[in-house]
N, C-alpha and C. Protein backbone atom coordinates (compact mmCIF):
# COMPACT_ATOMS: atom_id res chain seq x y z
N MET A 1 60.63 75.74 -52.04
CA MET A 1 59.99 77.04 -52.88
C MET A 1 58.30 76.84 -53.47
N ILE A 2 57.49 77.33 -52.95
CA ILE A 2 55.82 77.29 -53.20
C ILE A 2 55.80 77.53 -54.65
N ARG A 3 55.43 76.98 -55.54
CA ARG A 3 55.06 77.69 -56.82
C ARG A 3 54.22 78.22 -56.77
N ARG A 4 53.72 79.28 -57.73
CA ARG A 4 52.55 80.51 -57.90
C ARG A 4 51.45 79.35 -57.78
N PHE A 5 51.23 78.65 -58.42
CA PHE A 5 50.10 77.80 -59.10
C PHE A 5 49.60 77.37 -57.63
N ASP A 6 50.58 76.06 -57.00
CA ASP A 6 50.43 75.55 -56.15
C ASP A 6 49.44 76.48 -55.00
N PHE A 7 50.38 77.83 -54.24
CA PHE A 7 49.64 78.40 -53.68
C PHE A 7 48.25 78.90 -53.82
N PHE A 8 48.11 79.21 -55.28
CA PHE A 8 46.35 79.57 -55.77
C PHE A 8 45.44 78.44 -55.55
N LYS A 9 46.17 77.32 -55.86
CA LYS A 9 45.38 76.02 -55.17
C LYS A 9 45.18 75.61 -53.96
N ALA A 10 46.03 76.04 -53.17
CA ALA A 10 45.73 75.86 -51.57
C ALA A 10 44.73 77.04 -51.15
N ALA A 11 45.02 78.16 -51.55
CA ALA A 11 44.26 79.03 -50.90
C ALA A 11 42.84 79.15 -51.60
N GLY A 12 42.81 78.63 -53.04
CA GLY A 12 41.22 78.25 -53.59
C GLY A 12 40.65 77.11 -52.66
N LEU A 13 41.47 76.24 -51.83
CA LEU A 13 40.52 75.61 -51.17
C LEU A 13 40.52 76.22 -50.16
N ALA A 14 40.91 76.68 -49.38
CA ALA A 14 40.71 77.15 -48.05
C ALA A 14 39.51 78.17 -48.15
N ALA A 15 39.26 78.78 -49.42
CA ALA A 15 38.24 79.88 -49.90
C ALA A 15 36.88 79.41 -49.65
N MET A 16 37.09 77.60 -50.52
CA MET A 16 36.03 76.51 -50.53
C MET A 16 35.78 76.69 -49.04
N PHE A 17 36.39 76.29 -48.15
CA PHE A 17 35.97 76.03 -47.00
C PHE A 17 35.53 76.75 -46.36
N LEU A 18 35.81 78.11 -46.27
CA LEU A 18 35.26 79.03 -45.40
C LEU A 18 33.89 79.63 -46.54
N VAL A 19 33.81 79.08 -47.63
CA VAL A 19 32.54 79.67 -48.23
C VAL A 19 31.49 78.60 -47.47
N ALA A 20 31.67 77.00 -47.46
CA ALA A 20 31.14 76.31 -46.96
C ALA A 20 31.26 76.24 -45.25
N ALA A 21 31.43 76.75 -44.98
CA ALA A 21 31.13 77.40 -43.31
C ALA A 21 30.35 78.39 -42.92
N ARG A 22 30.45 79.45 -44.18
CA ARG A 22 29.25 80.34 -43.79
C ARG A 22 28.02 79.58 -44.40
N SER A 23 28.03 79.22 -45.32
CA SER A 23 26.52 78.41 -45.88
C SER A 23 26.23 77.46 -44.76
N ALA A 24 26.72 76.95 -43.89
CA ALA A 24 26.41 75.99 -42.84
C ALA A 24 25.74 76.99 -41.95
N ASP A 25 26.81 78.18 -41.42
CA ASP A 25 26.10 78.68 -40.52
C ASP A 25 24.88 79.68 -40.91
N ALA A 26 24.79 80.16 -42.30
CA ALA A 26 23.45 80.67 -42.98
C ALA A 26 21.93 80.14 -42.56
N ALA A 27 22.29 78.77 -42.59
CA ALA A 27 20.95 77.56 -42.82
C ALA A 27 20.81 77.82 -41.73
N GLY A 28 20.99 78.03 -40.83
CA GLY A 28 20.58 78.29 -39.55
C GLY A 28 19.95 79.35 -39.09
N LEU A 29 18.85 79.74 -37.85
CA LEU A 29 18.50 81.00 -38.17
C LEU A 29 19.74 82.12 -37.45
N PRO A 30 19.21 83.62 -37.62
CA PRO A 30 20.17 84.47 -37.63
C PRO A 30 19.82 84.61 -35.84
N ASN A 31 21.14 85.31 -35.37
CA ASN A 31 20.95 85.89 -34.28
C ASN A 31 19.99 86.94 -33.85
N HIS A 32 19.32 87.01 -34.51
CA HIS A 32 18.52 88.52 -34.11
C HIS A 32 17.31 87.31 -34.01
N PHE A 33 17.10 86.63 -34.42
CA PHE A 33 15.77 85.79 -34.73
C PHE A 33 14.76 85.85 -33.35
N GLY A 34 15.62 85.25 -32.24
CA GLY A 34 15.25 85.03 -30.86
C GLY A 34 14.59 86.45 -30.32
N GLU A 35 15.45 87.46 -30.30
CA GLU A 35 15.15 88.59 -29.88
C GLU A 35 14.04 89.33 -30.88
N GLN A 36 13.78 88.89 -31.96
CA GLN A 36 13.11 89.99 -32.32
C GLN A 36 11.40 89.53 -32.24
N VAL A 37 11.26 88.13 -32.26
CA VAL A 37 9.93 87.26 -32.03
C VAL A 37 9.72 87.46 -30.56
N GLU A 38 10.87 87.62 -29.61
CA GLU A 38 10.30 87.67 -28.55
C GLU A 38 9.94 89.49 -27.53
N SER A 39 10.50 90.08 -28.78
CA SER A 39 10.19 91.41 -28.45
C SER A 39 8.17 91.65 -29.15
N ALA A 40 8.40 90.94 -30.27
CA ALA A 40 6.65 91.10 -30.89
C ALA A 40 5.92 90.54 -29.52
N LEU A 41 6.18 88.93 -29.21
CA LEU A 41 5.58 88.18 -28.25
C LEU A 41 5.41 88.47 -26.87
N THR A 42 5.94 90.08 -26.53
CA THR A 42 6.00 90.61 -25.33
C THR A 42 4.99 91.34 -25.60
N CYS A 43 4.74 91.97 -26.72
CA CYS A 43 3.98 93.12 -27.23
C CYS A 43 4.64 94.44 -27.02
N GLU A 44 5.72 94.51 -27.08
CA GLU A 44 7.11 95.59 -26.96
C GLU A 44 7.58 96.28 -28.15
N SER A 45 7.08 96.12 -29.24
CA SER A 45 7.35 96.52 -30.23
C SER A 45 6.18 96.54 -31.58
N GLU A 46 6.64 97.64 -32.87
CA GLU A 46 5.30 97.60 -33.43
C GLU A 46 5.78 96.38 -34.89
N TRP A 47 4.57 96.09 -35.21
CA TRP A 47 4.90 95.26 -36.00
C TRP A 47 3.72 95.50 -36.85
N SER A 48 3.89 94.85 -38.53
CA SER A 48 2.41 94.95 -39.59
C SER A 48 2.59 93.05 -39.87
N THR A 49 1.28 92.76 -40.70
CA THR A 49 1.32 91.78 -40.80
C THR A 49 2.04 91.17 -41.85
N GLU A 50 2.43 92.05 -43.05
CA GLU A 50 3.54 91.67 -44.13
C GLU A 50 4.71 91.71 -43.42
N TRP A 51 4.91 92.20 -42.76
CA TRP A 51 6.27 92.21 -42.21
C TRP A 51 6.80 91.13 -41.37
N TRP A 52 6.04 90.73 -40.87
CA TRP A 52 6.46 89.31 -39.76
C TRP A 52 5.81 88.01 -40.91
N ARG A 53 4.81 88.30 -42.16
CA ARG A 53 5.05 87.41 -43.14
C ARG A 53 6.29 87.72 -43.96
N GLY A 54 6.75 88.30 -44.09
CA GLY A 54 7.97 88.40 -45.12
C GLY A 54 9.38 87.97 -44.00
N TYR A 55 9.41 87.93 -43.13
CA TYR A 55 10.33 88.03 -42.24
C TYR A 55 10.76 86.02 -41.96
N PHE A 56 9.04 85.31 -41.54
CA PHE A 56 9.29 84.01 -41.58
C PHE A 56 9.44 83.13 -42.47
N GLN A 57 8.53 84.01 -43.64
CA GLN A 57 9.22 83.35 -45.00
C GLN A 57 10.81 83.55 -45.58
N HIS A 58 11.74 84.50 -45.28
CA HIS A 58 12.64 84.69 -45.39
C HIS A 58 13.54 83.32 -44.62
N TYR A 59 13.22 83.59 -43.06
CA TYR A 59 13.78 82.88 -42.60
C TYR A 59 13.83 81.08 -42.30
N LEU A 60 12.26 81.02 -42.07
CA LEU A 60 11.92 79.86 -42.23
C LEU A 60 11.00 79.40 -43.48
N GLY A 61 11.14 79.89 -44.48
CA GLY A 61 10.56 79.45 -45.61
C GLY A 61 9.12 79.49 -45.90
N LYS A 62 8.13 77.94 -46.81
CA LYS A 62 7.17 78.24 -46.54
C LYS A 62 6.24 78.02 -45.32
N PRO A 63 5.21 78.69 -45.39
CA PRO A 63 3.98 78.54 -44.08
C PRO A 63 4.23 76.69 -44.22
N LEU A 64 3.61 76.00 -42.52
CA LEU A 64 3.42 74.66 -42.75
C LEU A 64 1.96 74.35 -43.37
N ARG A 65 0.92 75.02 -42.70
CA ARG A 65 -0.01 75.59 -42.77
C ARG A 65 -1.09 76.80 -42.51
N THR A 66 -1.93 76.81 -43.39
CA THR A 66 -3.11 77.82 -42.55
C THR A 66 -4.11 77.51 -41.77
N TRP A 67 -4.55 78.01 -41.16
CA TRP A 67 -5.35 77.47 -39.75
C TRP A 67 -5.59 78.63 -38.58
N GLY A 68 -6.63 78.79 -38.54
CA GLY A 68 -7.24 79.50 -37.82
C GLY A 68 -6.87 81.18 -38.23
N GLU A 69 -7.19 81.67 -39.21
CA GLU A 69 -6.55 82.84 -39.58
C GLU A 69 -5.25 82.63 -39.71
N ALA A 70 -4.50 82.01 -39.38
CA ALA A 70 -2.79 82.40 -39.02
C ALA A 70 -2.14 81.62 -40.26
N GLU A 71 -0.69 81.70 -40.59
CA GLU A 71 -0.09 81.18 -40.89
C GLU A 71 0.99 80.21 -40.03
N TRP A 72 1.01 79.17 -40.29
CA TRP A 72 1.77 78.19 -39.03
C TRP A 72 3.42 78.18 -40.37
N TYR A 73 4.39 78.45 -39.16
CA TYR A 73 5.94 78.01 -39.73
C TYR A 73 6.80 77.55 -38.75
N ASP A 74 7.40 76.16 -39.83
CA ASP A 74 8.04 75.47 -38.52
C ASP A 74 9.72 76.51 -38.01
N ALA A 75 9.02 76.76 -36.78
CA ALA A 75 10.35 77.47 -36.11
C ALA A 75 11.71 76.87 -35.73
N LYS A 76 11.74 75.87 -36.63
CA LYS A 76 13.16 75.29 -36.21
C LYS A 76 14.16 75.30 -35.11
N ASN A 77 13.43 75.33 -34.08
CA ASN A 77 13.50 74.94 -32.35
C ASN A 77 14.27 75.98 -31.77
N ALA A 78 13.38 77.46 -32.06
CA ALA A 78 14.05 78.64 -31.90
C ALA A 78 14.00 78.39 -30.37
N GLN A 79 15.08 79.48 -29.64
CA GLN A 79 15.04 79.40 -28.52
C GLN A 79 14.47 80.64 -28.71
N LEU A 80 13.20 80.75 -27.41
CA LEU A 80 12.43 81.81 -26.94
C LEU A 80 12.49 82.35 -25.92
N ALA A 81 13.78 83.36 -25.34
CA ALA A 81 13.60 83.11 -23.75
C ALA A 81 13.32 81.89 -22.92
N GLY A 82 14.35 81.65 -23.59
CA GLY A 82 14.72 79.81 -22.79
C GLY A 82 13.69 78.55 -23.26
N ASN A 83 12.79 79.14 -24.19
CA ASN A 83 12.09 77.98 -24.09
C ASN A 83 12.16 78.06 -25.69
N THR A 84 12.11 76.40 -26.16
CA THR A 84 12.39 76.00 -27.26
C THR A 84 11.02 75.67 -28.23
N ALA A 85 10.72 76.42 -29.28
CA ALA A 85 9.41 76.85 -30.33
C ALA A 85 9.25 75.71 -31.02
N THR A 86 8.65 74.88 -31.35
CA THR A 86 8.38 74.35 -32.67
C THR A 86 7.53 75.40 -33.45
N GLU A 87 6.75 76.36 -33.49
CA GLU A 87 6.43 76.46 -34.50
C GLU A 87 5.76 78.47 -34.00
N VAL A 88 5.84 79.01 -35.15
CA VAL A 88 5.60 80.19 -34.83
C VAL A 88 4.31 80.54 -35.78
N PHE A 89 3.41 81.98 -35.43
CA PHE A 89 2.51 81.91 -36.18
C PHE A 89 2.32 83.39 -36.51
N VAL A 90 1.94 84.38 -37.82
CA VAL A 90 1.20 85.60 -38.15
C VAL A 90 0.04 85.54 -38.55
N ASN A 91 -0.87 86.22 -38.44
CA ASN A 91 -2.37 86.48 -38.95
C ASN A 91 -2.32 86.10 -40.50
N VAL A 92 -3.43 86.03 -41.05
CA VAL A 92 -3.66 85.74 -42.68
C VAL A 92 -3.90 87.47 -42.88
N PRO A 93 -3.54 87.93 -43.57
CA PRO A 93 -3.53 89.40 -44.13
C PRO A 93 -5.30 89.96 -43.98
N SER A 94 -6.11 88.76 -44.23
CA SER A 94 -7.76 89.35 -44.56
C SER A 94 -8.05 89.15 -42.69
N SER A 95 -7.39 89.01 -42.13
CA SER A 95 -7.82 88.43 -40.37
C SER A 95 -8.07 89.92 -39.92
N GLY A 96 -8.73 90.03 -39.15
CA GLY A 96 -9.35 91.91 -38.68
C GLY A 96 -8.13 91.88 -36.94
N ALA A 97 -6.98 91.01 -36.96
CA ALA A 97 -6.46 90.64 -36.07
C ALA A 97 -4.75 91.41 -36.50
N LEU A 98 -3.98 91.69 -35.37
CA LEU A 98 -2.62 91.23 -36.14
C LEU A 98 -1.79 90.54 -34.89
N MET A 99 -1.77 89.37 -35.22
CA MET A 99 -0.97 88.58 -34.28
C MET A 99 0.27 88.05 -34.55
N VAL A 100 1.00 87.82 -33.45
CA VAL A 100 2.22 87.29 -33.62
C VAL A 100 1.73 86.12 -32.50
N GLY A 101 2.84 84.98 -32.94
CA GLY A 101 2.88 83.81 -31.53
C GLY A 101 3.71 82.50 -32.28
N ALA A 102 3.96 81.84 -30.89
CA ALA A 102 4.43 80.68 -31.13
C ALA A 102 3.62 79.10 -30.33
N LEU A 103 4.49 78.02 -31.05
CA LEU A 103 4.13 77.17 -30.02
C LEU A 103 5.10 76.46 -29.20
N ILE A 104 4.93 76.43 -27.96
CA ILE A 104 6.11 75.78 -27.17
C ILE A 104 5.60 74.66 -26.22
N PRO A 105 6.38 73.22 -26.59
CA PRO A 105 6.06 71.65 -26.21
C PRO A 105 6.33 71.81 -24.93
N THR A 106 5.70 72.73 -23.91
CA THR A 106 5.69 72.63 -23.05
C THR A 106 4.94 73.02 -21.71
N PRO A 107 4.64 72.62 -20.94
CA PRO A 107 3.32 72.77 -19.85
C PRO A 107 3.52 74.67 -19.63
N VAL A 108 2.18 75.26 -19.49
CA VAL A 108 2.20 76.55 -19.49
C VAL A 108 3.01 77.01 -18.41
N ASP A 109 2.94 75.96 -17.10
CA ASP A 109 3.53 76.90 -15.90
C ASP A 109 4.75 76.90 -15.85
N LYS A 110 5.47 75.85 -16.85
CA LYS A 110 6.87 75.77 -16.49
C LYS A 110 7.28 77.73 -17.38
N VAL A 111 6.32 77.58 -18.43
CA VAL A 111 6.80 78.26 -19.38
C VAL A 111 6.70 79.91 -19.12
N LYS A 112 5.88 80.02 -17.99
CA LYS A 112 5.09 81.25 -17.41
C LYS A 112 6.31 81.41 -16.42
N LYS A 113 6.59 80.26 -15.51
CA LYS A 113 8.32 80.50 -14.89
C LYS A 113 9.29 80.85 -15.69
N GLN A 114 9.62 80.33 -16.64
CA GLN A 114 10.79 80.99 -17.67
C GLN A 114 10.94 81.89 -17.77
N LEU A 115 10.09 82.69 -18.57
CA LEU A 115 9.66 83.90 -19.43
C LEU A 115 9.72 84.83 -18.03
N GLU A 116 8.99 84.37 -16.89
CA GLU A 116 8.72 85.42 -15.56
C GLU A 116 10.53 85.90 -15.08
N SER A 117 11.07 84.78 -15.06
CA SER A 117 12.85 84.95 -14.70
C SER A 117 13.38 85.26 -15.79
N THR A 118 13.35 84.95 -17.08
CA THR A 118 14.32 85.31 -17.98
C THR A 118 13.88 87.09 -18.52
N LEU A 119 12.82 87.27 -18.46
CA LEU A 119 12.18 88.44 -19.22
C LEU A 119 11.67 89.46 -18.16
N ASN A 120 11.87 88.91 -17.16
CA ASN A 120 11.61 89.78 -16.25
C ASN A 120 10.25 90.35 -15.99
N ILE A 121 8.97 89.89 -16.29
CA ILE A 121 7.87 90.69 -16.39
C ILE A 121 6.83 89.36 -15.97
N GLN A 122 5.50 89.75 -15.67
CA GLN A 122 4.63 89.22 -15.01
C GLN A 122 3.42 89.05 -15.59
N PHE A 123 2.92 87.40 -15.38
CA PHE A 123 1.30 87.22 -15.88
C PHE A 123 0.66 86.85 -14.65
N VAL A 124 -0.30 87.58 -14.92
CA VAL A 124 -1.63 87.08 -13.91
C VAL A 124 -2.53 86.16 -14.58
N GLN A 125 -3.03 85.30 -13.99
CA GLN A 125 -4.13 84.00 -14.34
C GLN A 125 -5.51 84.71 -14.61
N LEU A 126 -5.89 84.82 -15.62
CA LEU A 126 -7.33 85.01 -16.17
C LEU A 126 -8.29 83.93 -16.23
N ALA A 127 -9.72 84.38 -15.70
CA ALA A 127 -10.65 83.47 -15.19
C ALA A 127 -10.94 82.72 -16.43
N GLY A 128 -11.58 81.45 -16.56
CA GLY A 128 -12.04 80.71 -17.89
C GLY A 128 -11.87 79.25 -17.79
N PRO A 129 -12.08 78.48 -19.03
CA PRO A 129 -12.27 77.09 -18.72
C PRO A 129 -10.65 76.67 -18.80
N TYR A 130 -9.37 77.21 -19.24
CA TYR A 130 -8.23 76.46 -19.61
C TYR A 130 -7.51 77.73 -18.74
N PRO A 131 -5.90 77.04 -18.55
CA PRO A 131 -5.12 77.98 -18.28
C PRO A 131 -4.66 79.17 -19.18
N ARG A 132 -5.04 80.03 -18.57
CA ARG A 132 -4.61 81.37 -19.43
C ARG A 132 -3.80 82.62 -18.82
N TYR A 133 -2.71 83.29 -18.99
CA TYR A 133 -2.17 84.11 -18.53
C TYR A 133 -1.52 85.49 -19.55
N LEU A 134 -2.31 86.56 -18.85
CA LEU A 134 -1.72 87.93 -19.11
C LEU A 134 -0.57 88.69 -18.72
N SER A 135 -0.03 89.32 -19.49
CA SER A 135 0.96 90.44 -19.16
C SER A 135 0.30 91.64 -18.93
N LYS A 136 0.89 92.61 -18.23
CA LYS A 136 0.56 94.23 -18.73
C LYS A 136 0.73 94.92 -19.61
N PHE A 137 1.41 93.96 -20.22
CA PHE A 137 1.67 94.86 -21.75
C PHE A 137 0.92 94.14 -22.95
N GLY A 138 0.20 92.57 -22.63
CA GLY A 138 -0.79 92.40 -23.55
C GLY A 138 -0.42 90.91 -23.64
N SER A 139 0.48 90.67 -23.60
CA SER A 139 1.61 89.06 -24.18
C SER A 139 0.18 87.87 -23.34
N VAL A 140 -0.19 87.02 -24.35
CA VAL A 140 -1.01 86.08 -23.93
C VAL A 140 0.13 84.56 -23.69
N LEU A 141 -0.27 83.50 -22.69
CA LEU A 141 -0.31 82.31 -22.61
C LEU A 141 -0.96 81.68 -22.49
N VAL A 142 -1.27 80.63 -23.12
CA VAL A 142 -2.74 79.81 -23.46
C VAL A 142 -2.14 78.15 -23.11
N GLY A 143 -2.41 77.83 -22.12
CA GLY A 143 -2.15 76.07 -21.58
C GLY A 143 -3.02 75.25 -22.72
N LEU A 144 -2.29 74.57 -23.18
CA LEU A 144 -3.08 73.45 -24.40
C LEU A 144 -3.37 72.09 -23.90
N SER A 145 -4.18 71.50 -24.12
CA SER A 145 -4.89 70.04 -23.41
C SER A 145 -3.80 69.14 -23.70
N ASN A 146 -2.78 69.08 -24.69
CA ASN A 146 -1.51 68.76 -24.77
C ASN A 146 -0.16 68.77 -24.42
N ASN A 147 -0.60 69.94 -23.24
CA ASN A 147 0.97 70.06 -22.44
C ASN A 147 1.74 70.99 -23.19
N GLN A 148 1.16 71.75 -24.26
CA GLN A 148 1.52 72.39 -24.98
C GLN A 148 1.32 74.19 -24.44
N THR A 149 2.35 74.69 -24.88
CA THR A 149 1.84 76.56 -24.75
C THR A 149 1.90 77.40 -26.06
N LYS A 150 0.72 77.99 -25.88
CA LYS A 150 0.72 79.41 -27.00
C LYS A 150 0.78 80.13 -26.36
N TRP A 151 2.39 80.95 -27.11
CA TRP A 151 2.62 82.54 -26.50
C TRP A 151 2.33 83.18 -27.80
N TYR A 152 1.43 83.95 -27.18
CA TYR A 152 1.02 85.15 -28.86
C TYR A 152 1.36 86.84 -27.59
N CYS A 153 0.76 87.68 -29.07
CA CYS A 153 0.84 89.24 -28.79
C CYS A 153 -0.20 89.13 -29.86
N ALA A 154 -1.64 89.94 -29.46
CA ALA A 154 -2.55 89.77 -30.59
C ALA A 154 -3.18 91.81 -30.21
N ARG A 155 -3.25 92.03 -31.51
CA ARG A 155 -4.00 93.67 -31.73
C ARG A 155 -4.70 93.27 -32.57
N TRP A 156 -5.76 94.71 -32.41
CA TRP A 156 -7.07 94.56 -33.54
C TRP A 156 -6.79 95.57 -34.33
N SER A 157 -6.79 95.59 -35.61
CA SER A 157 -6.72 96.44 -36.58
C SER A 157 -8.14 97.38 -36.85
N LEU A 158 -7.21 98.72 -36.56
CA LEU A 158 -8.97 99.42 -36.34
C LEU A 158 -8.26 100.72 -37.89
N GLY A 159 -7.87 99.53 -38.53
CA GLY A 159 -7.85 100.71 -39.81
C GLY A 159 -6.71 101.66 -39.65
N ASN A 160 -5.74 102.65 -38.82
CA ASN A 160 -5.01 102.61 -38.79
C ASN A 160 -3.48 102.03 -38.66
N ARG A 161 -3.35 100.74 -39.68
CA ARG A 161 -1.99 100.01 -39.44
C ARG A 161 -2.34 99.47 -40.20
N PRO A 162 -0.84 99.01 -41.25
CA PRO A 162 -0.91 98.48 -42.76
C PRO A 162 -1.29 97.02 -42.18
């Protein structure tokens, strides 16, 4: 026969293990993170600078740096349409742009191919001194000299958005 104290002690230990398991899951990115960011990067969602700054700070912590009129965050290897992002960024409030982006440590041709097959969107090459591609919704891929890709959506603030 189990005494009440032993039963409560066992139940308490089980509850502690459940809390520890939940905490470990909470330390990672939420299930919706990839979908939310992909939607912004493909320019298929409405968003504001303040919303993205709050979202990134909530799930990723403080920015790694502020550079190029953007706050850059450790993306914790987030999966974005089959690509691993090392950093994500959002414009600073004083910028005239509304921009959300990701840095992917993979050459642009491979990222382009993965996005086209996973998200069923097409990118066309733009003229210029470096590889750059544009989707019909305004999503941009830029091939960087260090074999990384910057994927972003940018809109310009016309005074009618927060």
